[in-house]
PDB file of all heavy atoms in Angstrom:
ATOM      1  N   VAL A   1       0.821  32.527   8.708  1.00  0.00           N
ATOM      2  CA  VAL A   1       1.814  32.375   9.770  1.00  0.00           C
ATOM      3  C   VAL A   1       3.181  32.724   9.194  1.00  0.00           C
ATOM      4  O   VAL A   1       3.422  32.552   7.994  1.00  0.00           O
ATOM      5  CB  VAL A   1       1.794  30.933  10.329  1.00  0.00           C
ATOM      6  CG1 VAL A   1       2.211  29.927   9.275  1.00  0.00           C
ATOM      7  CG2 VAL A   1       2.655  30.800  11.577  1.00  0.00           C
ATOM      8  N   GLN A   2       4.054  33.189  10.035  1.00  0.00           N
ATOM      9  CA  GLN A   2       5.420  33.498   9.599  1.00  0.00           C
ATOM     10  C   GLN A   2       6.250  32.221   9.500  1.00  0.00           C
ATOM     11  O   GLN A   2       5.958  31.233  10.177  1.00  0.00           O
ATOM     12  CB  GLN A   2       6.077  34.469  10.578  1.00  0.00           C
ATOM     13  CG  GLN A   2       5.440  35.849  10.583  1.00  0.00           C
ATOM     14  CD  GLN A   2       6.212  36.825  11.457  1.00  0.00           C
ATOM     15  OE1 GLN A   2       7.000  36.424  12.310  1.00  0.00           O
ATOM     16  NE2 GLN A   2       5.992  38.104  11.225  1.00  0.00           N
ATOM     17  N   PRO A   3       7.282  32.239   8.676  1.00  0.00           N
ATOM     18  CA  PRO A   3       8.171  31.071   8.615  1.00  0.00           C
ATOM     19  C   PRO A   3       8.696  30.702  10.000  1.00  0.00           C
ATOM     20  O   PRO A   3       9.054  31.584  10.788  1.00  0.00           O
ATOM     21  CB  PRO A   3       9.302  31.552   7.694  1.00  0.00           C
ATOM     22  CG  PRO A   3       8.651  32.562   6.813  1.00  0.00           C
ATOM     23  CD  PRO A   3       7.654  33.267   7.693  1.00  0.00           C
ATOM     24  N   GLY A   4       8.702  29.412  10.269  1.00  0.00           N
ATOM     25  CA  GLY A   4       9.114  28.941  11.579  1.00  0.00           C
ATOM     26  C   GLY A   4       7.974  28.831  12.568  1.00  0.00           C
ATOM     27  O   GLY A   4       8.153  28.288  13.666  1.00  0.00           O
ATOM     28  N   GLY A   5       6.821  29.336  12.213  1.00  0.00           N
ATOM     29  CA  GLY A   5       5.681  29.302  13.107  1.00  0.00           C
ATOM     30  C   GLY A   5       4.925  27.984  13.049  1.00  0.00           C
ATOM     31  O   GLY A   5       5.316  27.041  12.355  1.00  0.00           O
ATOM     32  N   SER A   6       3.808  27.938  13.771  1.00  0.00           N
ATOM     33  CA  SER A   6       3.010  26.710  13.885  1.00  0.00           C
ATOM     34  C   SER A   6       1.534  26.985  13.624  1.00  0.00           C
ATOM     35  O   SER A   6       1.044  28.087  13.890  1.00  0.00           O
ATOM     36  CB  SER A   6       3.151  26.114  15.290  1.00  0.00           C
ATOM     37  OG  SER A   6       4.483  25.739  15.554  1.00  0.00           O
ATOM     38  N   LEU A   7       0.872  25.979  13.135  1.00  0.00           N
ATOM     39  CA  LEU A   7      -0.573  26.001  12.957  1.00  0.00           C
ATOM     40  C   LEU A   7      -1.103  24.608  13.243  1.00  0.00           C
ATOM     41  O   LEU A   7      -0.383  23.624  13.122  1.00  0.00           O
ATOM     42  CB  LEU A   7      -0.965  26.397  11.531  1.00  0.00           C
ATOM     43  CG  LEU A   7      -0.846  27.859  11.112  1.00  0.00           C
ATOM     44  CD1 LEU A   7      -1.141  27.989   9.619  1.00  0.00           C
ATOM     45  CD2 LEU A   7      -1.780  28.745  11.921  1.00  0.00           C
ATOM     46  N   ARG A   8      -2.364  24.554  13.604  1.00  0.00           N
ATOM     47  CA  ARG A   8      -3.015  23.264  13.835  1.00  0.00           C
ATOM     48  C   ARG A   8      -4.302  23.213  13.044  1.00  0.00           C
ATOM     49  O   ARG A   8      -5.133  24.124  13.130  1.00  0.00           O
ATOM     50  CB  ARG A   8      -3.295  23.067  15.327  1.00  0.00           C
ATOM     51  CG  ARG A   8      -3.739  21.668  15.701  1.00  0.00           C
ATOM     52  CD  ARG A   8      -3.823  21.519  17.213  1.00  0.00           C
ATOM     53  NE  ARG A   8      -4.172  20.179  17.645  1.00  0.00           N
ATOM     54  CZ  ARG A   8      -3.292  19.231  17.909  1.00  0.00           C
ATOM     55  NH1 ARG A   8      -2.004  19.470  17.759  1.00  0.00           N
ATOM     56  NH2 ARG A   8      -3.704  18.025  18.311  1.00  0.00           N
ATOM     57  N   LEU A   9      -4.470  22.166  12.266  1.00  0.00           N
ATOM     58  CA  LEU A   9      -5.687  21.939  11.487  1.00  0.00           C
ATOM     59  C   LEU A   9      -6.505  20.833  12.142  1.00  0.00           C
ATOM     60  O   LEU A   9      -5.956  19.870  12.648  1.00  0.00           O
ATOM     61  CB  LEU A   9      -5.339  21.530  10.059  1.00  0.00           C
ATOM     62  CG  LEU A   9      -4.498  22.501   9.238  1.00  0.00           C
ATOM     63  CD1 LEU A   9      -4.196  21.903   7.873  1.00  0.00           C
ATOM     64  CD2 LEU A   9      -5.198  23.836   9.101  1.00  0.00           C
ATOM     65  N   SER A  10      -7.800  20.999  12.106  1.00  0.00           N
ATOM     66  CA  SER A  10      -8.697  20.004  12.681  1.00  0.00           C
ATOM     67  C   SER A  10      -9.704  19.541  11.640  1.00  0.00           C
ATOM     68  O   SER A  10     -10.168  20.333  10.819  1.00  0.00           O
ATOM     69  CB  SER A  10      -9.418  20.592  13.892  1.00  0.00           C
ATOM     70  OG  SER A  10     -10.314  19.642  14.450  1.00  0.00           O
ATOM     71  N   CYS A  11     -10.043  18.267  11.699  1.00  0.00           N
ATOM     72  CA  CYS A  11     -11.040  17.677  10.802  1.00  0.00           C
ATOM     73  C   CYS A  11     -11.949  16.795  11.641  1.00  0.00           C
ATOM     74  O   CYS A  11     -11.486  15.786  12.193  1.00  0.00           O
ATOM     75  CB  CYS A  11     -10.339  16.871   9.718  1.00  0.00           C
ATOM     76  SG  CYS A  11     -11.443  15.985   8.592  1.00  0.00           S
ATOM     77  N   VAL A  12     -13.193  17.184  11.747  1.00  0.00           N
ATOM     78  CA  VAL A  12     -14.155  16.423  12.545  1.00  0.00           C
ATOM     79  C   VAL A  12     -15.118  15.710  11.618  1.00  0.00           C
ATOM     80  O   VAL A  12     -15.796  16.346  10.801  1.00  0.00           O
ATOM     81  CB  VAL A  12     -14.931  17.331  13.504  1.00  0.00           C
ATOM     82  CG1 VAL A  12     -15.912  16.493  14.336  1.00  0.00           C
ATOM     83  CG2 VAL A  12     -13.978  18.085  14.419  1.00  0.00           C
ATOM     84  N   GLY A  13     -15.160  14.408  11.737  1.00  0.00           N
ATOM     85  CA  GLY A  13     -16.049  13.621  10.898  1.00  0.00           C
ATOM     86  C   GLY A  13     -17.354  13.299  11.592  1.00  0.00           C
ATOM     87  O   GLY A  13     -17.424  13.197  12.815  1.00  0.00           O
ATOM     88  N   SER A  14     -18.400  13.168  10.806  1.00  0.00           N
ATOM     89  CA  SER A  14     -19.688  12.755  11.338  1.00  0.00           C
ATOM     90  C   SER A  14     -20.341  11.790  10.357  1.00  0.00           C
ATOM     91  O   SER A  14     -20.056  11.811   9.159  1.00  0.00           O
ATOM     92  CB  SER A  14     -20.603  13.966  11.583  1.00  0.00           C
ATOM     93  OG  SER A  14     -20.833  14.657  10.375  1.00  0.00           O
ATOM     94  N   GLY A  15     -21.190  10.952  10.915  1.00  0.00           N
ATOM     95  CA  GLY A  15     -21.915  10.020  10.052  1.00  0.00           C
ATOM     96  C   GLY A  15     -21.165   8.766   9.713  1.00  0.00           C
ATOM     97  O   GLY A  15     -21.562   8.023   8.798  1.00  0.00           O
ATOM     98  N   PHE A  16     -20.052   8.489  10.410  1.00  0.00           N
ATOM     99  CA  PHE A  16     -19.339   7.254  10.141  1.00  0.00           C
ATOM    100  C   PHE A  16     -18.622   6.747  11.377  1.00  0.00           C
ATOM    101  O   PHE A  16     -18.395   7.487  12.329  1.00  0.00           O
ATOM    102  CB  PHE A  16     -18.360   7.436   8.977  1.00  0.00           C
ATOM    103  CG  PHE A  16     -17.200   8.355   9.266  1.00  0.00           C
ATOM    104  CD1 PHE A  16     -16.003   7.860   9.741  1.00  0.00           C
ATOM    105  CD2 PHE A  16     -17.299   9.715   9.040  1.00  0.00           C
ATOM    106  CE1 PHE A  16     -14.921   8.704   9.988  1.00  0.00           C
ATOM    107  CE2 PHE A  16     -16.225  10.564   9.280  1.00  0.00           C
ATOM    108  CZ  PHE A  16     -15.035  10.052   9.758  1.00  0.00           C
ATOM    109  N   ASN A  17     -18.265   5.479  11.307  1.00  0.00           N
ATOM    110  CA  ASN A  17     -17.521   4.825  12.373  1.00  0.00           C
ATOM    111  C   ASN A  17     -16.029   4.928  12.042  1.00  0.00           C
ATOM    112  O   ASN A  17     -15.568   4.403  11.036  1.00  0.00           O
ATOM    113  CB  ASN A  17     -17.929   3.353  12.469  1.00  0.00           C
ATOM    114  CG  ASN A  17     -17.226   2.628  13.607  1.00  0.00           C
ATOM    115  OD1 ASN A  17     -16.248   3.110  14.158  1.00  0.00           O
ATOM    116  ND2 ASN A  17     -17.722   1.469  13.962  1.00  0.00           N
ATOM    117  N   PHE A  18     -15.283   5.615  12.876  1.00  0.00           N
ATOM    118  CA  PHE A  18     -13.865   5.865  12.625  1.00  0.00           C
ATOM    119  C   PHE A  18     -13.100   4.585  12.336  1.00  0.00           C
ATOM    120  O   PHE A  18     -12.213   4.562  11.494  1.00  0.00           O
ATOM    121  CB  PHE A  18     -13.263   6.586  13.833  1.00  0.00           C
ATOM    122  CG  PHE A  18     -11.815   6.930  13.683  1.00  0.00           C
ATOM    123  CD1 PHE A  18     -11.430   8.115  13.074  1.00  0.00           C
ATOM    124  CD2 PHE A  18     -10.828   6.073  14.153  1.00  0.00           C
ATOM    125  CE1 PHE A  18     -10.089   8.442  12.930  1.00  0.00           C
ATOM    126  CE2 PHE A  18      -9.490   6.396  14.021  1.00  0.00           C
ATOM    127  CZ  PHE A  18      -9.116   7.583  13.399  1.00  0.00           C
ATOM    128  N   ASP A  19     -13.460   3.506  13.004  1.00  0.00           N
ATOM    129  CA  ASP A  19     -12.711   2.263  12.864  1.00  0.00           C
ATOM    130  C   ASP A  19     -12.886   1.615  11.487  1.00  0.00           C
ATOM    131  O   ASP A  19     -12.148   0.697  11.138  1.00  0.00           O
ATOM    132  CB  ASP A  19     -13.114   1.270  13.950  1.00  0.00           C
ATOM    133  CG  ASP A  19     -12.611   1.687  15.321  1.00  0.00           C
ATOM    134  OD1 ASP A  19     -11.575   2.400  15.379  1.00  0.00           O
ATOM    135  OD2 ASP A  19     -13.240   1.337  16.327  1.00  0.00           O
ATOM    136  N   ASP A  20     -13.848   2.081  10.703  1.00  0.00           N
ATOM    137  CA  ASP A  20     -14.084   1.539   9.370  1.00  0.00           C
ATOM    138  C   ASP A  20     -13.439   2.384   8.276  1.00  0.00           C
ATOM    139  O   ASP A  20     -13.513   2.029   7.098  1.00  0.00           O
ATOM    140  CB  ASP A  20     -15.584   1.456   9.083  1.00  0.00           C
ATOM    141  CG  ASP A  20     -16.294   0.467   9.978  1.00  0.00           C
ATOM    142  OD1 ASP A  20     -15.639  -0.497  10.436  1.00  0.00           O
ATOM    143  OD2 ASP A  20     -17.498   0.668  10.239  1.00  0.00           O
ATOM    144  N   TYR A  21     -12.811   3.478   8.665  1.00  0.00           N
ATOM    145  CA  TYR A  21     -12.306   4.442   7.685  1.00  0.00           C
ATOM    146  C   TYR A  21     -10.815   4.695   7.857  1.00  0.00           C
ATOM    147  O   TYR A  21     -10.273   4.617   8.960  1.00  0.00           O
ATOM    148  CB  TYR A  21     -13.045   5.782   7.822  1.00  0.00           C
ATOM    149  CG  TYR A  21     -14.419   5.790   7.216  1.00  0.00           C
ATOM    150  CD1 TYR A  21     -15.468   5.135   7.850  1.00  0.00           C
ATOM    151  CD2 TYR A  21     -14.676   6.435   6.013  1.00  0.00           C
ATOM    152  CE1 TYR A  21     -16.738   5.124   7.303  1.00  0.00           C
ATOM    153  CE2 TYR A  21     -15.940   6.441   5.459  1.00  0.00           C
ATOM    154  CZ  TYR A  21     -16.973   5.782   6.106  1.00  0.00           C
ATOM    155  OH  TYR A  21     -18.232   5.782   5.553  1.00  0.00           O
ATOM    156  N   ALA A  22     -10.187   5.003   6.731  1.00  0.00           N
ATOM    157  CA  ALA A  22      -8.836   5.551   6.723  1.00  0.00           C
ATOM    158  C   ALA A  22      -8.950   7.027   6.364  1.00  0.00           C
ATOM    159  O   ALA A  22      -9.828   7.416   5.592  1.00  0.00           O
ATOM    160  CB  ALA A  22      -7.968   4.823   5.700  1.00  0.00           C
ATOM    161  N   MET A  23      -8.057   7.822   6.926  1.00  0.00           N
ATOM    162  CA  MET A  23      -8.161   9.267   6.715  1.00  0.00           C
ATOM    163  C   MET A  23      -6.792   9.851   6.431  1.00  0.00           C
ATOM    164  O   MET A  23      -5.763   9.270   6.816  1.00  0.00           O
ATOM    165  CB  MET A  23      -8.773   9.940   7.944  1.00  0.00           C
ATOM    166  CG  MET A  23     -10.188   9.467   8.252  1.00  0.00           C
ATOM    167  SD  MET A  23     -10.909  10.299   9.686  1.00  0.00           S
ATOM    168  CE  MET A  23     -11.167  11.945   9.029  1.00  0.00           C
ATOM    169  N   GLY A  24      -6.792  11.002   5.802  1.00  0.00           N
ATOM    170  CA  GLY A  24      -5.520  11.644   5.507  1.00  0.00           C
ATOM    171  C   GLY A  24      -5.666  13.138   5.295  1.00  0.00           C
ATOM    172  O   GLY A  24      -6.770  13.658   5.108  1.00  0.00           O
ATOM    173  N   TRP A  25      -4.531  13.793   5.347  1.00  0.00           N
ATOM    174  CA  TRP A  25      -4.443  15.216   5.022  1.00  0.00           C
ATOM    175  C   TRP A  25      -3.685  15.355   3.702  1.00  0.00           C
ATOM    176  O   TRP A  25      -2.616  14.751   3.521  1.00  0.00           O
ATOM    177  CB  TRP A  25      -3.708  15.983   6.112  1.00  0.00           C
ATOM    178  CG  TRP A  25      -4.534  16.219   7.332  1.00  0.00           C
ATOM    179  CD1 TRP A  25      -4.548  15.487   8.485  1.00  0.00           C
ATOM    180  CD2 TRP A  25      -5.477  17.274   7.510  1.00  0.00           C
ATOM    181  NE1 TRP A  25      -5.447  16.007   9.370  1.00  0.00           N
ATOM    182  CE2 TRP A  25      -6.034  17.118   8.808  1.00  0.00           C
ATOM    183  CE3 TRP A  25      -5.912  18.341   6.739  1.00  0.00           C
ATOM    184  CZ2 TRP A  25      -7.007  17.989   9.324  1.00  0.00           C
ATOM    185  CZ3 TRP A  25      -6.869  19.199   7.244  1.00  0.00           C
ATOM    186  CH2 TRP A  25      -7.400  19.022   8.527  1.00  0.00           C
ATOM    187  N   PHE A  26      -4.253  16.163   2.827  1.00  0.00           N
ATOM    188  CA  PHE A  26      -3.666  16.416   1.531  1.00  0.00           C
ATOM    189  C   PHE A  26      -3.508  17.925   1.363  1.00  0.00           C
ATOM    190  O   PHE A  26      -4.206  18.704   2.017  1.00  0.00           O
ATOM    191  CB  PHE A  26      -4.569  15.862   0.419  1.00  0.00           C
ATOM    192  CG  PHE A  26      -4.775  14.377   0.499  1.00  0.00           C
ATOM    193  CD1 PHE A  26      -5.678  13.836   1.401  1.00  0.00           C
ATOM    194  CD2 PHE A  26      -4.065  13.517  -0.315  1.00  0.00           C
ATOM    195  CE1 PHE A  26      -5.866  12.468   1.503  1.00  0.00           C
ATOM    196  CE2 PHE A  26      -4.245  12.147  -0.234  1.00  0.00           C
ATOM    197  CZ  PHE A  26      -5.144  11.618   0.676  1.00  0.00           C
ATOM    198  N   ARG A  27      -2.619  18.310   0.469  1.00  0.00           N
ATOM    199  CA  ARG A  27      -2.486  19.738   0.193  1.00  0.00           C
ATOM    200  C   ARG A  27      -2.275  19.943  -1.292  1.00  0.00           C
ATOM    201  O   ARG A  27      -1.753  19.073  -1.993  1.00  0.00           O
ATOM    202  CB  ARG A  27      -1.343  20.349   1.002  1.00  0.00           C
ATOM    203  CG  ARG A  27       0.055  19.918   0.579  1.00  0.00           C
ATOM    204  CD  ARG A  27       1.098  20.514   1.512  1.00  0.00           C
ATOM    205  NE  ARG A  27       2.454  20.138   1.114  1.00  0.00           N
ATOM    206  CZ  ARG A  27       3.532  20.394   1.844  1.00  0.00           C
ATOM    207  NH1 ARG A  27       3.424  21.030   3.009  1.00  0.00           N
ATOM    208  NH2 ARG A  27       4.728  20.031   1.408  1.00  0.00           N
ATOM    209  N   GLN A  28      -2.668  21.126  -1.728  1.00  0.00           N
ATOM    210  CA  GLN A  28      -2.462  21.496  -3.131  1.00  0.00           C
ATOM    211  C   GLN A  28      -2.053  22.951  -3.189  1.00  0.00           C
ATOM    212  O   GLN A  28      -2.806  23.834  -2.767  1.00  0.00           O
ATOM    213  CB  GLN A  28      -3.714  21.244  -3.966  1.00  0.00           C
ATOM    214  CG  GLN A  28      -3.498  21.455  -5.452  1.00  0.00           C
ATOM    215  CD  GLN A  28      -4.626  20.904  -6.288  1.00  0.00           C
ATOM    216  OE1 GLN A  28      -5.740  20.691  -5.823  1.00  0.00           O
ATOM    217  NE2 GLN A  28      -4.344  20.634  -7.562  1.00  0.00           N
ATOM    218  N   ALA A  29      -0.865  23.173  -3.705  1.00  0.00           N
ATOM    219  CA  ALA A  29      -0.366  24.529  -3.903  1.00  0.00           C
ATOM    220  C   ALA A  29      -0.757  24.992  -5.300  1.00  0.00           C
ATOM    221  O   ALA A  29      -0.980  24.173  -6.199  1.00  0.00           O
ATOM    222  CB  ALA A  29       1.149  24.557  -3.733  1.00  0.00           C
ATOM    223  N   PRO A  30      -0.840  26.300  -5.516  1.00  0.00           N
ATOM    224  CA  PRO A  30      -1.209  26.812  -6.844  1.00  0.00           C
ATOM    225  C   PRO A  30      -0.290  26.272  -7.931  1.00  0.00           C
ATOM    226  O   PRO A  30       0.933  26.314  -7.799  1.00  0.00           O
ATOM    227  CB  PRO A  30      -1.059  28.325  -6.680  1.00  0.00           C
ATOM    228  CG  PRO A  30      -1.277  28.565  -5.231  1.00  0.00           C
ATOM    229  CD  PRO A  30      -0.673  27.379  -4.534  1.00  0.00           C
TER     230      PRO A  30
END
């Protein structure tokens, strides 16, 4: 994407009850 633009990331979980879990987004640059 160009600077100033937008993106949307999605994460779909399976095999667990959402209310029992904490979740997060992490990133790692080179």
